[in-house]
Amino acid sequence: MRGVVRDSEQVPERRIGNDSAAVRDVIDARDDCELFTLRTVRAVSGHSIARETGDCEELLFVVSGRGSIVTAAGEHEVEPQAGLLLGPGDHYEFVNPGSEDIFAVSVALHGSATPRSVPELSRLADATAQSATADREFRIVFDADSGCPAATQFVGYIPVGAAPPHYHLYNEVIYVLDGHGVMHMGGEQTPLRAGSAISLPAREVHTLANSGPGVMRVLGVFRPSGSPAAAYYPDGTAAQVAAEPQTAEVTT
């Protein structure tokens, strides 16, 4: 797995026939990212064709829009900041009854085959804010304690500024939900904005800087499952974590 930063809007959308949903394959094995495939899905009004999870677990996160997602187990109402965890061998269809597009980020977990009888549904508003390094915060969508032993999915809240260079012991993909900034990785500095996607290998020293003016929000998925706060400075010492979270706002 190698480090990649890509603007998702630079990737062509794929739409099959009269399908109501269009897909962008933003980061995948072509980027030497064997553990994940990160896609965006935009569903206009109507009922989409079925998409198969294959032999992977899949994490869906609704960024905007309201409607439902139909799986083998039934229909699940979703709204912004709702997450859905599907097991291998499942399928899902978007049902959009309104005029606003449903926009979601999908991350397939390759090599993960935890069977589950029904999908798991999670809402970010129900999650507790927790502290990370450099006054950053996060909320867990899914992890080993909430039905996903293979990975952790979270939303991170990054204040204006930059954390010191650091690395993690997990492999990660990131999607920028809101804000502007710069990714420092591999000796390069790459601008970030809403829609930017990142592939971040384990032990890759990096800094994600928020240029402001407001809080940057990112959606992250990493393997193996653990805490987003687990970080290390280049000399191997553990990064410090703030004592108390500042109660990040969940926007819908």
Protein backbone atom coordinates (compact mmCIF):
# COMPACT_ATOMS: atom_id res chain seq x y z
CA MET A 1 0.00 0.00 0.00
CA ARG A 2 1.39 3.40 -0.99
CA GLY A 3 0.34 6.90 -0.09
CA VAL A 4 -2.07 8.55 -2.53
CA VAL A 5 -4.04 11.81 -2.49
CA ARG A 6 -6.78 12.18 -5.12
CA ASP A 7 -9.63 14.58 -5.80
CA SER A 8 -12.63 12.29 -6.22
CA GLU A 9 -14.27 14.64 -8.74
CA GLN A 10 -11.35 13.98 -11.10
CA VAL A 11 -12.47 10.33 -11.32
CA PRO A 12 -15.20 9.69 -13.93
CA GLU A 13 -18.62 8.60 -12.68
CA ARG A 14 -19.90 5.22 -13.89
CA ARG A 15 -23.60 4.70 -14.51
CA ILE A 16 -25.05 1.52 -16.02
CA GLY A 17 -28.06 2.06 -18.27
CA ASN A 18 -30.87 3.86 -16.47
CA ASP A 19 -29.52 3.11 -12.99
CA SER A 20 -30.40 5.92 -10.58
CA ALA A 21 -26.98 5.62 -8.87
CA ALA A 22 -23.59 6.64 -10.28
CA VAL A 23 -20.30 5.40 -8.81
CA ARG A 24 -16.71 6.69 -8.71
CA ASP A 25 -13.92 4.21 -7.90
CA VAL A 26 -11.63 6.69 -6.17
CA ILE A 27 -8.94 4.54 -4.52
CA ASP A 28 -8.43 0.81 -5.14
CA ALA A 29 -5.91 -1.89 -6.06
CA ARG A 30 -4.65 0.19 -8.98
CA ASP A 31 -3.15 2.48 -6.33
CA ASP A 32 -1.45 -0.47 -4.62
CA CYS A 33 -4.28 -0.32 -2.07
CA GLU A 34 -5.05 -4.01 -1.60
CA LEU A 35 -6.99 -3.73 1.66
CA PHE A 36 -9.65 -1.22 0.61
CA THR A 37 -11.71 0.09 -2.25
CA LEU A 38 -13.03 3.59 -1.59
CA ARG A 39 -15.97 4.64 -3.77
CA THR A 40 -18.50 7.43 -3.83
CA VAL A 41 -22.12 6.73 -4.76
CA ARG A 42 -24.58 9.42 -5.88
CA ALA A 43 -28.20 8.27 -6.12
CA VAL A 44 -30.73 10.55 -7.78
CA SER A 45 -34.49 10.21 -7.30
CA GLY A 46 -35.67 6.63 -7.87
CA HIS A 47 -34.67 3.08 -7.04
CA SER A 48 -31.14 1.98 -7.96
CA ILE A 49 -30.06 -1.39 -9.24
CA ALA A 50 -28.61 -3.83 -6.71
CA ARG A 51 -24.92 -3.74 -5.85
CA GLU A 52 -23.19 -6.84 -4.50
CA THR A 53 -20.72 -6.88 -1.62
CA GLY A 54 -19.09 -10.05 -2.96
CA ASP A 55 -16.64 -11.63 -0.52
CA CYS A 56 -16.07 -8.34 1.37
CA GLU A 57 -17.60 -6.52 4.25
CA GLU A 58 -18.62 -3.02 3.17
CA LEU A 59 -19.00 0.20 5.14
CA LEU A 60 -21.44 2.80 3.76
CA PHE A 61 -21.62 6.33 5.16
CA VAL A 62 -24.35 8.73 4.02
CA VAL A 63 -22.92 12.23 3.59
CA SER A 64 -26.07 13.96 2.36
CA GLY A 65 -29.62 13.19 1.31
CA ARG A 66 -32.38 11.08 2.84
CA GLY A 67 -34.08 7.88 1.83
CA SER A 68 -33.48 4.20 2.42
CA ILE A 69 -31.09 1.40 1.60
CA VAL A 70 -32.60 -2.00 0.80
CA THR A 71 -30.59 -5.11 1.69
CA ALA A 72 -31.36 -8.81 1.84
CA ALA A 73 -32.65 -8.23 5.39
CA GLY A 74 -35.06 -5.43 4.50
CA GLU A 75 -35.24 -1.65 4.14
CA HIS A 76 -33.18 0.70 6.34
CA GLU A 77 -34.01 4.39 6.59
CA VAL A 78 -30.93 6.61 6.32
CA GLU A 79 -30.10 10.28 6.64
CA PRO A 80 -26.89 12.35 6.73
CA GLN A 81 -24.25 10.94 9.11
CA ALA A 82 -25.75 7.42 9.10
CA GLY A 83 -23.48 4.41 8.63
CA LEU A 84 -24.41 0.93 7.43
CA LEU A 85 -22.18 -2.14 7.74
CA LEU A 86 -22.93 -4.98 5.31
CA GLY A 87 -21.53 -8.48 5.33
CA PRO A 88 -20.11 -10.57 2.50
CA GLY A 89 -22.66 -12.01 0.10
CA ASP A 90 -25.15 -9.19 0.69
CA HIS A 91 -26.53 -6.63 -1.74
CA TYR A 92 -27.89 -3.11 -1.41
CA GLU A 93 -30.10 -0.73 -3.38
CA PHE A 94 -30.67 2.99 -2.84
CA VAL A 95 -34.23 4.27 -2.70
CA ASN A 96 -34.42 8.05 -3.03
CA PRO A 97 -37.98 9.40 -2.74
CA GLY A 98 -36.99 13.08 -2.94
CA SER A 99 -35.38 15.61 -5.22
CA GLU A 100 -32.07 15.85 -3.32
CA ASP A 101 -29.38 13.34 -4.30
CA ILE A 102 -28.27 10.76 -1.74
CA PHE A 103 -24.48 10.94 -1.59
CA ALA A 104 -22.56 8.19 0.21
CA VAL A 105 -18.99 7.00 0.67
CA SER A 106 -18.42 3.25 0.42
CA VAL A 107 -15.34 1.39 1.67
CA ALA A 108 -15.01 -2.31 0.83
CA LEU A 109 -12.81 -4.33 3.20
CA HIS A 110 -10.94 -6.85 1.07
CA GLY A 111 -10.03 -10.09 2.78
CA SER A 112 -12.69 -9.53 5.43
CA ALA A 113 -15.42 -12.14 5.58
CA THR A 114 -17.17 -11.79 8.94
CA PRO A 115 -20.63 -13.30 8.40
CA ARG A 116 -23.59 -11.35 9.75
CA SER A 117 -27.29 -12.13 9.61
CA VAL A 118 -28.42 -8.51 9.27
CA PRO A 119 -26.63 -5.25 8.46
CA GLU A 120 -25.58 -3.02 11.34
CA LEU A 121 -26.84 0.58 11.40
CA SER A 122 -25.02 3.39 13.22
CA ARG A 123 -25.80 7.08 13.60
CA LEU A 124 -23.01 9.53 14.28
CA ALA A 125 -25.21 11.64 16.56
CA ASP A 126 -25.36 8.69 18.98
CA ALA A 127 -21.55 8.42 19.25
CA THR A 128 -19.48 10.00 22.02
CA ALA A 129 -16.80 12.56 21.17
CA GLN A 130 -13.30 11.35 22.09
CA SER A 131 -9.92 13.09 22.13
CA ALA A 132 -6.97 12.55 19.79
CA THR A 133 -3.64 14.32 19.29
CA ALA A 134 -3.24 18.11 18.85
CA ASP A 135 -6.73 18.96 20.18
CA ARG A 136 -8.37 16.79 17.54
CA GLU A 137 -11.52 14.82 18.21
CA PHE A 138 -13.30 11.86 16.70
CA ARG A 139 -16.53 9.89 16.87
CA ILE A 140 -16.65 6.18 16.12
CA VAL A 141 -19.14 4.96 13.52
CA PHE A 142 -18.09 1.28 13.62
CA ASP A 143 -15.31 -0.65 15.32
CA ALA A 144 -14.63 -4.00 16.98
CA ASP A 145 -16.96 -3.08 19.86
CA SER A 146 -19.85 -2.24 17.54
CA GLY A 147 -19.92 -5.18 15.15
CA CYS A 148 -16.90 -4.60 12.91
CA PRO A 149 -13.86 -6.53 14.19
CA ALA A 150 -11.98 -6.06 10.90
CA ALA A 151 -11.80 -2.25 10.83
CA THR A 152 -12.63 1.05 12.52
CA GLN A 153 -14.72 3.73 10.79
CA PHE A 154 -14.78 7.18 12.35
CA VAL A 155 -15.37 10.86 11.68
CA GLY A 156 -12.48 13.11 12.77
CA TYR A 157 -12.70 16.81 13.63
CA ILE A 158 -9.51 18.74 12.89
CA PRO A 159 -9.09 22.32 14.16
CA VAL A 160 -7.20 24.98 12.22
CA GLY A 161 -3.49 24.21 12.22
CA ALA A 162 -1.39 21.06 12.01
CA ALA A 163 -0.39 18.24 14.33
CA PRO A 164 3.33 17.39 14.55
CA PRO A 165 4.51 14.80 11.98
CA HIS A 166 3.45 11.34 13.14
CA TYR A 167 2.49 7.85 11.95
CA HIS A 168 0.03 5.08 12.75
CA LEU A 169 0.40 1.31 12.93
CA TYR A 170 -2.71 0.78 10.82
CA ASN A 171 -3.47 1.16 7.10
CA GLU A 172 -6.10 3.79 6.38
CA VAL A 173 -8.23 5.45 3.74
CA ILE A 174 -9.65 8.92 4.35
CA TYR A 175 -12.33 11.03 2.67
CA VAL A 176 -12.53 14.78 3.40
CA LEU A 177 -16.12 15.72 4.24
CA ASP A 178 -15.64 19.45 4.89
CA GLY A 179 -12.87 22.00 4.90
CA HIS A 180 -9.61 22.87 3.18
CA GLY A 181 -6.07 21.90 4.03
CA VAL A 182 -2.80 20.32 2.97
CA MET A 183 -1.58 16.72 3.23
CA HIS A 184 2.15 16.43 3.99
CA MET A 185 3.25 12.91 3.07
CA GLY A 186 6.18 11.30 1.28
CA GLY A 187 8.01 14.60 0.92
CA GLU A 188 5.08 16.16 -0.95
CA GLN A 189 2.44 18.74 -0.04
CA THR A 190 -0.97 18.19 -1.66
CA PRO A 191 -3.97 20.54 -1.30
CA LEU A 192 -7.11 19.06 0.24
CA ARG A 193 -10.75 20.04 0.01
CA ALA A 194 -14.14 18.38 0.44
CA GLY A 195 -14.04 15.35 -1.86
CA SER A 196 -10.31 14.67 -1.49
CA ALA A 197 -9.44 11.04 -0.76
CA ILE A 198 -6.26 9.68 0.81
CA SER A 199 -4.63 6.27 1.02
CA LEU A 200 -2.33 6.24 4.06
CA PRO A 201 -0.07 3.23 4.64
CA ALA A 202 0.95 2.04 8.08
CA ARG A 203 4.07 3.78 9.46
CA GLU A 204 3.92 6.54 6.82
CA VAL A 205 4.99 9.77 8.55
CA HIS A 206 2.50 12.50 7.65
CA THR A 207 0.67 15.63 8.76
CA LEU A 208 -2.85 16.62 7.74
CA ALA A 209 -3.05 20.40 8.16
CA ASN A 210 -6.30 22.37 8.27
CA SER A 211 -5.97 25.71 6.46
CA GLY A 212 -9.24 27.02 7.92
CA PRO A 213 -11.29 28.97 8.49
CA GLY A 214 -13.45 26.32 10.20
CA VAL A 215 -13.09 22.78 11.51
CA MET A 216 -12.17 20.15 8.92
CA ARG A 217 -14.16 16.92 9.06
CA VAL A 218 -12.80 13.67 7.66
CA LEU A 219 -14.23 10.16 7.33
CA GLY A 220 -11.60 7.51 8.03
CA VAL A 221 -11.52 3.71 7.82
CA PHE A 222 -8.51 1.79 9.06
CA ARG A 223 -7.30 -1.76 9.65
CA PRO A 224 -6.69 -3.45 11.98
CA SER A 225 -9.42 -2.04 14.22
CA GLY A 226 -8.30 0.15 17.09
CA SER A 227 -8.34 3.74 18.29
CA PRO A 228 -7.91 6.71 15.91
CA ALA A 229 -5.93 8.35 18.73
CA ALA A 230 -3.12 5.76 18.51
CA ALA A 231 -0.27 7.71 16.88
CA TYR A 232 3.53 7.84 17.14
CA TYR A 233 6.13 10.51 16.48
CA PRO A 234 8.97 9.74 14.04
CA ASP A 235 11.26 8.71 16.92
CA GLY A 236 8.72 6.04 17.97
CA THR A 237 7.36 7.74 21.09
CA ALA A 238 3.60 7.73 21.55
CA ALA A 239 1.82 10.98 20.67
CA GLN A 240 0.10 12.81 23.49
CA VAL A 241 -3.69 12.92 23.66
CA ALA A 242 -5.70 15.80 25.10
CA ALA A 243 -7.38 15.05 28.43
CA GLU A 244 -10.90 16.20 27.60
CA PRO A 245 -12.77 16.37 24.26
CA GLN A 246 -14.36 19.69 23.30
CA THR A 247 -17.64 18.05 22.20
CA ALA A 248 -17.44 18.26 18.43
CA GLU A 249 -20.67 19.27 16.75
CA VAL A 250 -22.44 16.71 14.59
CA THR A 251 -23.85 18.49 11.55
CA THR A 252 -26.67 17.15 9.42
